[in-house]
Amino acid sequence: KVAYSPAKASGHVALVGKGITFDSGGISIKPAAGME
């Protein structure tokens, strides 16, 4: 969680990001071609 909290905020926006640092597909493994 990275929170920016200015002193006089006019509102609040939440941003959510997908962070799969490597996706092999798991047990449902991806084809080798392009996996890099």
PDB file of all heavy atoms in Angstrom:
ATOM      1  N   LYS A   1       0.856  -1.183   0.000  1.00  0.00           N
ATOM      2  CA  LYS A   1       0.000   0.000   0.000  1.00  0.00           C
ATOM      3  C   LYS A   1       0.894   1.236   0.000  1.00  0.00           C
ATOM      4  O   LYS A   1       1.736   1.401   0.880  1.00  0.00           O
ATOM      5  CB  LYS A   1      -0.901  -0.002   1.241  1.00  0.00           C
ATOM      6  CG  LYS A   1      -1.774   1.228   1.399  1.00  0.00           C
ATOM      7  CD  LYS A   1      -2.566   1.150   2.707  1.00  0.00           C
ATOM      8  CE  LYS A   1      -3.367   2.414   2.965  1.00  0.00           C
ATOM      9  NZ  LYS A   1      -4.093   2.345   4.253  1.00  0.00           N
ATOM     10  N   VAL A   2       0.713   2.081  -1.002  1.00  0.00           N
ATOM     11  CA  VAL A   2       1.460   3.333  -1.094  1.00  0.00           C
ATOM     12  C   VAL A   2       0.448   4.463  -0.997  1.00  0.00           C
ATOM     13  O   VAL A   2      -0.366   4.647  -1.899  1.00  0.00           O
ATOM     14  CB  VAL A   2       2.252   3.437  -2.413  1.00  0.00           C
ATOM     15  CG1 VAL A   2       3.115   4.694  -2.429  1.00  0.00           C
ATOM     16  CG2 VAL A   2       3.109   2.196  -2.626  1.00  0.00           C
ATOM     17  N   ALA A   3       0.467   5.193   0.106  1.00  0.00           N
ATOM     18  CA  ALA A   3      -0.553   6.204   0.369  1.00  0.00           C
ATOM     19  C   ALA A   3       0.037   7.604   0.311  1.00  0.00           C
ATOM     20  O   ALA A   3       1.017   7.902   0.995  1.00  0.00           O
ATOM     21  CB  ALA A   3      -1.188   5.961   1.732  1.00  0.00           C
ATOM     22  N   TYR A   4      -0.587   8.451  -0.514  1.00  0.00           N
ATOM     23  CA  TYR A   4      -0.252   9.872  -0.578  1.00  0.00           C
ATOM     24  C   TYR A   4      -1.379  10.636   0.092  1.00  0.00           C
ATOM     25  O   TYR A   4      -2.535  10.572  -0.337  1.00  0.00           O
ATOM     26  CB  TYR A   4      -0.086  10.305  -2.039  1.00  0.00           C
ATOM     27  CG  TYR A   4      -0.086  11.806  -2.249  1.00  0.00           C
ATOM     28  CD1 TYR A   4       0.797  12.635  -1.568  1.00  0.00           C
ATOM     29  CD2 TYR A   4      -0.975  12.387  -3.156  1.00  0.00           C
ATOM     30  CE1 TYR A   4       0.789  14.005  -1.772  1.00  0.00           C
ATOM     31  CE2 TYR A   4      -0.976  13.754  -3.371  1.00  0.00           C
ATOM     32  CZ  TYR A   4      -0.101  14.565  -2.674  1.00  0.00           C
ATOM     33  OH  TYR A   4      -0.113  15.919  -2.873  1.00  0.00           O
ATOM     34  N   SER A   5      -1.063  11.359   1.154  1.00  0.00           N
ATOM     35  CA  SER A   5      -2.077  12.032   1.968  1.00  0.00           C
ATOM     36  C   SER A   5      -1.724  13.506   2.134  1.00  0.00           C
ATOM     37  O   SER A   5      -1.094  13.903   3.124  1.00  0.00           O
ATOM     38  CB  SER A   5      -2.185  11.362   3.342  1.00  0.00           C
ATOM     39  OG  SER A   5      -2.445   9.976   3.211  1.00  0.00           O
ATOM     40  N   PRO A   6      -2.114  14.352   1.172  1.00  0.00           N
ATOM     41  CA  PRO A   6      -1.839  15.782   1.313  1.00  0.00           C
ATOM     42  C   PRO A   6      -2.677  16.393   2.429  1.00  0.00           C
ATOM     43  O   PRO A   6      -3.712  15.850   2.825  1.00  0.00           O
ATOM     44  CB  PRO A   6      -2.238  16.343  -0.054  1.00  0.00           C
ATOM     45  CG  PRO A   6      -3.249  15.380  -0.581  1.00  0.00           C
ATOM     46  CD  PRO A   6      -2.839  14.034  -0.060  1.00  0.00           C
ATOM     47  N   ALA A   7      -2.251  17.523   2.903  1.00  0.00           N
ATOM     48  CA  ALA A   7      -2.884  18.132   4.078  1.00  0.00           C
ATOM     49  C   ALA A   7      -4.341  18.507   3.834  1.00  0.00           C
ATOM     50  O   ALA A   7      -5.203  18.293   4.681  1.00  0.00           O
ATOM     51  CB  ALA A   7      -2.088  19.367   4.497  1.00  0.00           C
ATOM     52  N   LYS A   8      -4.646  19.073   2.668  1.00  0.00           N
ATOM     53  CA  LYS A   8      -6.010  19.513   2.376  1.00  0.00           C
ATOM     54  C   LYS A   8      -6.511  18.828   1.111  1.00  0.00           C
ATOM     55  O   LYS A   8      -6.664  19.454   0.058  1.00  0.00           O
ATOM     56  CB  LYS A   8      -6.055  21.034   2.229  1.00  0.00           C
ATOM     57  CG  LYS A   8      -5.691  21.783   3.506  1.00  0.00           C
ATOM     58  CD  LYS A   8      -5.782  23.279   3.308  1.00  0.00           C
ATOM     59  CE  LYS A   8      -5.430  24.025   4.604  1.00  0.00           C
ATOM     60  NZ  LYS A   8      -5.505  25.496   4.420  1.00  0.00           N
ATOM     61  N   ALA A   9      -6.770  17.534   1.226  1.00  0.00           N
ATOM     62  CA  ALA A   9      -7.188  16.746   0.076  1.00  0.00           C
ATOM     63  C   ALA A   9      -8.632  17.056  -0.310  1.00  0.00           C
ATOM     64  O   ALA A   9      -9.507  17.150   0.550  1.00  0.00           O
ATOM     65  CB  ALA A   9      -7.045  15.262   0.384  1.00  0.00           C
ATOM     66  N   SER A  10      -8.864  17.225  -1.608  1.00  0.00           N
ATOM     67  CA  SER A  10     -10.208  17.506  -2.104  1.00  0.00           C
ATOM     68  C   SER A  10     -10.987  16.238  -2.395  1.00  0.00           C
ATOM     69  O   SER A  10     -12.160  16.291  -2.767  1.00  0.00           O
ATOM     70  CB  SER A  10     -10.124  18.353  -3.381  1.00  0.00           C
ATOM     71  OG  SER A  10      -9.384  17.666  -4.377  1.00  0.00           O
ATOM     72  N   GLY A  11     -10.368  15.092  -2.250  1.00  0.00           N
ATOM     73  CA  GLY A  11     -11.022  13.814  -2.510  1.00  0.00           C
ATOM     74  C   GLY A  11     -10.028  12.692  -2.328  1.00  0.00           C
ATOM     75  O   GLY A  11      -8.874  12.912  -1.957  1.00  0.00           O
ATOM     76  N   HIS A  12     -10.470  11.483  -2.612  1.00  0.00           N
ATOM     77  CA  HIS A  12      -9.617  10.307  -2.425  1.00  0.00           C
ATOM     78  C   HIS A  12      -9.837   9.345  -3.584  1.00  0.00           C
ATOM     79  O   HIS A  12     -10.958   8.903  -3.836  1.00  0.00           O
ATOM     80  CB  HIS A  12      -9.959   9.616  -1.091  1.00  0.00           C
ATOM     81  CG  HIS A  12      -9.163   8.378  -0.824  1.00  0.00           C
ATOM     82  ND1 HIS A  12      -9.549   7.419   0.082  1.00  0.00           N
ATOM     83  CD2 HIS A  12      -7.979   7.926  -1.352  1.00  0.00           C
ATOM     84  CE1 HIS A  12      -8.661   6.441   0.114  1.00  0.00           C
ATOM     85  NE2 HIS A  12      -7.700   6.731  -0.752  1.00  0.00           N
ATOM     86  N   VAL A  13      -8.764   9.016  -4.287  1.00  0.00           N
ATOM     87  CA  VAL A  13      -8.793   8.057  -5.391  1.00  0.00           C
ATOM     88  C   VAL A  13      -7.914   6.868  -5.030  1.00  0.00           C
ATOM     89  O   VAL A  13      -6.779   7.046  -4.567  1.00  0.00           O
ATOM     90  CB  VAL A  13      -8.299   8.689  -6.714  1.00  0.00           C
ATOM     91  CG1 VAL A  13      -8.255   7.649  -7.834  1.00  0.00           C
ATOM     92  CG2 VAL A  13      -9.205   9.859  -7.106  1.00  0.00           C
ATOM     93  N   ALA A  14      -8.436   5.677  -5.228  1.00  0.00           N
ATOM     94  CA  ALA A  14      -7.650   4.458  -5.010  1.00  0.00           C
ATOM     95  C   ALA A  14      -7.270   3.857  -6.353  1.00  0.00           C
ATOM     96  O   ALA A  14      -8.097   3.762  -7.261  1.00  0.00           O
ATOM     97  CB  ALA A  14      -8.447   3.444  -4.191  1.00  0.00           C
ATOM     98  N   LEU A  15      -6.019   3.453  -6.487  1.00  0.00           N
ATOM     99  CA  LEU A  15      -5.498   2.801  -7.687  1.00  0.00           C
ATOM    100  C   LEU A  15      -5.024   1.405  -7.309  1.00  0.00           C
ATOM    101  O   LEU A  15      -4.296   1.247  -6.333  1.00  0.00           O
ATOM    102  CB  LEU A  15      -4.327   3.598  -8.274  1.00  0.00           C
ATOM    103  CG  LEU A  15      -4.585   5.080  -8.576  1.00  0.00           C
ATOM    104  CD1 LEU A  15      -3.297   5.739  -9.071  1.00  0.00           C
ATOM    105  CD2 LEU A  15      -5.699   5.243  -9.602  1.00  0.00           C
ATOM    106  N   VAL A  16      -5.426   0.412  -8.080  1.00  0.00           N
ATOM    107  CA  VAL A  16      -5.073  -0.977  -7.798  1.00  0.00           C
ATOM    108  C   VAL A  16      -4.351  -1.547  -9.015  1.00  0.00           C
ATOM    109  O   VAL A  16      -4.861  -1.464 -10.135  1.00  0.00           O
ATOM    110  CB  VAL A  16      -6.332  -1.820  -7.482  1.00  0.00           C
ATOM    111  CG1 VAL A  16      -5.943  -3.260  -7.131  1.00  0.00           C
ATOM    112  CG2 VAL A  16      -7.137  -1.194  -6.353  1.00  0.00           C
ATOM    113  N   GLY A  17      -3.167  -2.113  -8.798  1.00  0.00           N
ATOM    114  CA  GLY A  17      -2.361  -2.596  -9.909  1.00  0.00           C
ATOM    115  C   GLY A  17      -2.023  -4.076  -9.817  1.00  0.00           C
ATOM    116  O   GLY A  17      -1.626  -4.564  -8.753  1.00  0.00           O
ATOM    117  N   LYS A  18      -2.173  -4.762 -10.919  1.00  0.00           N
ATOM    118  CA  LYS A  18      -1.783  -6.174 -10.997  1.00  0.00           C
ATOM    119  C   LYS A  18      -0.268  -6.271 -11.045  1.00  0.00           C
ATOM    120  O   LYS A  18       0.383  -5.658 -11.881  1.00  0.00           O
ATOM    121  CB  LYS A  18      -2.392  -6.831 -12.236  1.00  0.00           C
ATOM    122  CG  LYS A  18      -1.966  -8.279 -12.450  1.00  0.00           C
ATOM    123  CD  LYS A  18      -2.519  -8.842 -13.763  1.00  0.00           C
ATOM    124  CE  LYS A  18      -1.962 -10.224 -14.071  1.00  0.00           C
ATOM    125  NZ  LYS A  18      -2.417 -10.727 -15.387  1.00  0.00           N
ATOM    126  N   GLY A  19       0.295  -7.108 -10.150  1.00  0.00           N
ATOM    127  CA  GLY A  19       1.745  -7.230 -10.068  1.00  0.00           C
ATOM    128  C   GLY A  19       2.205  -8.671 -10.066  1.00  0.00           C
ATOM    129  O   GLY A  19       2.884  -9.103  -9.130  1.00  0.00           O
ATOM    130  N   ILE A  20       1.883  -9.412 -11.119  1.00  0.00           N
ATOM    131  CA  ILE A  20       2.394 -10.782 -11.250  1.00  0.00           C
ATOM    132  C   ILE A  20       3.799 -10.681 -11.822  1.00  0.00           C
ATOM    133  O   ILE A  20       3.989 -10.419 -13.010  1.00  0.00           O
ATOM    134  CB  ILE A  20       1.480 -11.644 -12.147  1.00  0.00           C
ATOM    135  CG1 ILE A  20       0.057 -11.670 -11.593  1.00  0.00           C
ATOM    136  CG2 ILE A  20       2.042 -13.061 -12.265  1.00  0.00           C
ATOM    137  CD1 ILE A  20      -0.076 -12.288 -10.216  1.00  0.00           C
ATOM    138  N   THR A  21       4.790 -10.862 -10.969  1.00  0.00           N
ATOM    139  CA  THR A  21       6.171 -10.591 -11.377  1.00  0.00           C
ATOM    140  C   THR A  21       6.684 -11.592 -12.407  1.00  0.00           C
ATOM    141  O   THR A  21       7.627 -11.301 -13.131  1.00  0.00           O
ATOM    142  CB  THR A  21       7.103 -10.573 -10.156  1.00  0.00           C
ATOM    143  OG1 THR A  21       7.007 -11.824  -9.456  1.00  0.00           O
ATOM    144  CG2 THR A  21       6.726  -9.437  -9.218  1.00  0.00           C
ATOM    145  N   PHE A  22       6.091 -12.770 -12.454  1.00  0.00           N
ATOM    146  CA  PHE A  22       6.267 -13.665 -13.599  1.00  0.00           C
ATOM    147  C   PHE A  22       5.071 -14.600 -13.636  1.00  0.00           C
ATOM    148  O   PHE A  22       4.663 -15.128 -12.606  1.00  0.00           O
ATOM    149  CB  PHE A  22       7.558 -14.483 -13.546  1.00  0.00           C
ATOM    150  CG  PHE A  22       7.785 -15.251 -14.829  1.00  0.00           C
ATOM    151  CD1 PHE A  22       8.264 -14.595 -15.945  1.00  0.00           C
ATOM    152  CD2 PHE A  22       7.458 -16.594 -14.933  1.00  0.00           C
ATOM    153  CE1 PHE A  22       8.439 -15.275 -17.154  1.00  0.00           C
ATOM    154  CE2 PHE A  22       7.629 -17.274 -16.125  1.00  0.00           C
ATOM    155  CZ  PHE A  22       8.124 -16.612 -17.243  1.00  0.00           C
ATOM    156  N   ASP A  23       4.541 -14.783 -14.838  1.00  0.00           N
ATOM    157  CA  ASP A  23       3.346 -15.607 -14.992  1.00  0.00           C
ATOM    158  C   ASP A  23       3.632 -16.798 -15.905  1.00  0.00           C
ATOM    159  O   ASP A  23       3.613 -16.688 -17.121  1.00  0.00           O
ATOM    160  CB  ASP A  23       2.197 -14.791 -15.568  1.00  0.00           C
ATOM    161  CG  ASP A  23       0.912 -15.597 -15.670  1.00  0.00           C
ATOM    162  OD1 ASP A  23       0.822 -16.656 -15.013  1.00  0.00           O
ATOM    163  OD2 ASP A  23       0.002 -15.160 -16.395  1.00  0.00           O
ATOM    164  N   SER A  24       3.902 -17.931 -15.270  1.00  0.00           N
ATOM    165  CA  SER A  24       4.091 -19.168 -16.033  1.00  0.00           C
ATOM    166  C   SER A  24       2.761 -19.812 -16.405  1.00  0.00           C
ATOM    167  O   SER A  24       2.708 -20.736 -17.221  1.00  0.00           O
ATOM    168  CB  SER A  24       4.898 -20.173 -15.199  1.00  0.00           C
ATOM    169  OG  SER A  24       4.101 -20.632 -14.109  1.00  0.00           O
ATOM    170  N   GLY A  25       1.684 -19.314 -15.789  1.00  0.00           N
ATOM    171  CA  GLY A  25       0.374 -19.943 -15.938  1.00  0.00           C
ATOM    172  C   GLY A  25       0.061 -20.889 -14.788  1.00  0.00           C
ATOM    173  O   GLY A  25      -1.068 -21.343 -14.653  1.00  0.00           O
ATOM    174  N   GLY A  26       1.080 -21.206 -13.973  1.00  0.00           N
ATOM    175  CA  GLY A  26       0.867 -22.155 -12.881  1.00  0.00           C
ATOM    176  C   GLY A  26       0.666 -23.565 -13.419  1.00  0.00           C
ATOM    177  O   GLY A  26       1.223 -23.939 -14.456  1.00  0.00           O
ATOM    178  N   ILE A  27      -0.159 -24.359 -12.744  1.00  0.00           N
ATOM    179  CA  ILE A  27      -0.439 -25.733 -13.197  1.00  0.00           C
ATOM    180  C   ILE A  27      -1.031 -25.725 -14.606  1.00  0.00           C
ATOM    181  O   ILE A  27      -0.727 -26.586 -15.422  1.00  0.00           O
ATOM    182  CB  ILE A  27      -1.390 -26.436 -12.209  1.00  0.00           C
ATOM    183  CG1 ILE A  27      -0.719 -26.616 -10.844  1.00  0.00           C
ATOM    184  CG2 ILE A  27      -1.851 -27.776 -12.764  1.00  0.00           C
ATOM    185  CD1 ILE A  27       0.460 -27.545 -10.825  1.00  0.00           C
ATOM    186  N   SER A  28      -1.858 -24.730 -14.914  1.00  0.00           N
ATOM    187  CA  SER A  28      -2.387 -24.554 -16.284  1.00  0.00           C
ATOM    188  C   SER A  28      -1.340 -23.808 -17.097  1.00  0.00           C
ATOM    189  O   SER A  28      -1.546 -22.684 -17.574  1.00  0.00           O
ATOM    190  CB  SER A  28      -3.698 -23.772 -16.250  1.00  0.00           C
ATOM    191  OG  SER A  28      -4.629 -24.329 -15.347  1.00  0.00           O
ATOM    192  N   ILE A  29      -0.197 -24.457 -17.288  1.00  0.00           N
ATOM    193  CA  ILE A  29       1.004 -23.772 -17.764  1.00  0.00           C
ATOM    194  C   ILE A  29       0.858 -23.230 -19.183  1.00  0.00           C
ATOM    195  O   ILE A  29       0.186 -23.837 -20.035  1.00  0.00           O
ATOM    196  CB  ILE A  29       2.229 -24.709 -17.659  1.00  0.00           C
ATOM    197  CG1 ILE A  29       3.533 -23.914 -17.737  1.00  0.00           C
ATOM    198  CG2 ILE A  29       2.161 -25.823 -18.711  1.00  0.00           C
ATOM    199  CD1 ILE A  29       4.738 -24.699 -17.258  1.00  0.00           C
ATOM    200  N   LYS A  30       1.463 -22.095 -19.426  1.00  0.00           N
ATOM    201  CA  LYS A  30       1.417 -21.463 -20.738  1.00  0.00           C
ATOM    202  C   LYS A  30       2.319 -22.209 -21.735  1.00  0.00           C
ATOM    203  O   LYS A  30       3.265 -22.896 -21.321  1.00  0.00           O
ATOM    204  CB  LYS A  30       1.910 -20.014 -20.646  1.00  0.00           C
ATOM    205  CG  LYS A  30       1.027 -19.084 -19.845  1.00  0.00           C
ATOM    206  CD  LYS A  30       1.662 -17.700 -19.779  1.00  0.00           C
ATOM    207  CE  LYS A  30       0.801 -16.728 -18.985  1.00  0.00           C
ATOM    208  NZ  LYS A  30      -0.440 -16.369 -19.685  1.00  0.00           N
ATOM    209  N   PRO A  31       2.095 -22.045 -23.028  1.00  0.00           N
ATOM    210  CA  PRO A  31       3.055 -22.550 -24.022  1.00  0.00           C
ATOM    211  C   PRO A  31       4.406 -21.854 -23.841  1.00  0.00           C
ATOM    212  O   PRO A  31       4.466 -20.702 -23.393  1.00  0.00           O
ATOM    213  CB  PRO A  31       2.418 -22.166 -25.357  1.00  0.00           C
ATOM    214  CG  PRO A  31       0.969 -21.936 -25.059  1.00  0.00           C
ATOM    215  CD  PRO A  31       0.925 -21.412 -23.649  1.00  0.00           C
ATOM    216  N   ALA A  32       5.462 -22.548 -24.206  1.00  0.00           N
ATOM    217  CA  ALA A  32       6.805 -21.974 -24.030  1.00  0.00           C
ATOM    218  C   ALA A  32       7.016 -20.747 -24.903  1.00  0.00           C
ATOM    219  O   ALA A  32       7.652 -19.781 -24.480  1.00  0.00           O
ATOM    220  CB  ALA A  32       7.855 -23.039 -24.348  1.00  0.00           C
ATOM    221  N   ALA A  33       6.493 -20.776 -26.115  1.00  0.00           N
ATOM    222  CA  ALA A  33       6.708 -19.666 -27.047  1.00  0.00           C
ATOM    223  C   ALA A  33       6.089 -18.386 -26.500  1.00  0.00           C
ATOM    224  O   ALA A  33       4.895 -18.320 -26.222  1.00  0.00           O
ATOM    225  CB  ALA A  33       6.099 -20.009 -28.405  1.00  0.00           C
ATOM    226  N   GLY A  34       6.903 -17.379 -26.330  1.00  0.00           N
ATOM    227  CA  GLY A  34       6.420 -16.088 -25.855  1.00  0.00           C
ATOM    228  C   GLY A  34       6.348 -15.934 -24.349  1.00  0.00           C
ATOM    229  O   GLY A  34       6.016 -14.853 -23.855  1.00  0.00           O
ATOM    230  N   MET A  35       6.669 -17.019 -23.597  1.00  0.00           N
ATOM    231  CA  MET A  35       6.525 -16.903 -22.145  1.00  0.00           C
ATOM    232  C   MET A  35       7.488 -15.895 -21.545  1.00  0.00           C
ATOM    233  O   MET A  35       7.219 -15.333 -20.474  1.00  0.00           O
ATOM    234  CB  MET A  35       6.720 -18.272 -21.472  1.00  0.00           C
ATOM    235  CG  MET A  35       6.197 -18.302 -20.031  1.00  0.00           C
ATOM    236  SD  MET A  35       6.659 -19.758 -19.088  1.00  0.00           S
ATOM    237  CE  MET A  35       5.681 -21.033 -19.888  1.00  0.00           C
ATOM    238  N   GLU A  36       8.586 -15.612 -22.236  1.00  0.00           N
ATOM    239  CA  GLU A  36       9.559 -14.658 -21.690  1.00  0.00           C
ATOM    240  C   GLU A  36       8.946 -13.270 -21.484  1.00  0.00           C
ATOM    241  O   GLU A  36       9.380 -12.506 -20.623  1.00  0.00           O
ATOM    242  CB  GLU A  36      10.792 -14.561 -22.588  1.00  0.00           C
ATOM    243  CG  GLU A  36      10.560 -13.954 -23.957  1.00  0.00           C
ATOM    244  CD  GLU A  36      10.014 -14.934 -24.993  1.00  0.00           C
ATOM    245  OE1 GLU A  36       9.752 -16.103 -24.645  1.00  0.00           O
ATOM    246  OE2 GLU A  36       9.843 -14.516 -26.161  1.00  0.00           O
TER     247      GLU A  36
END
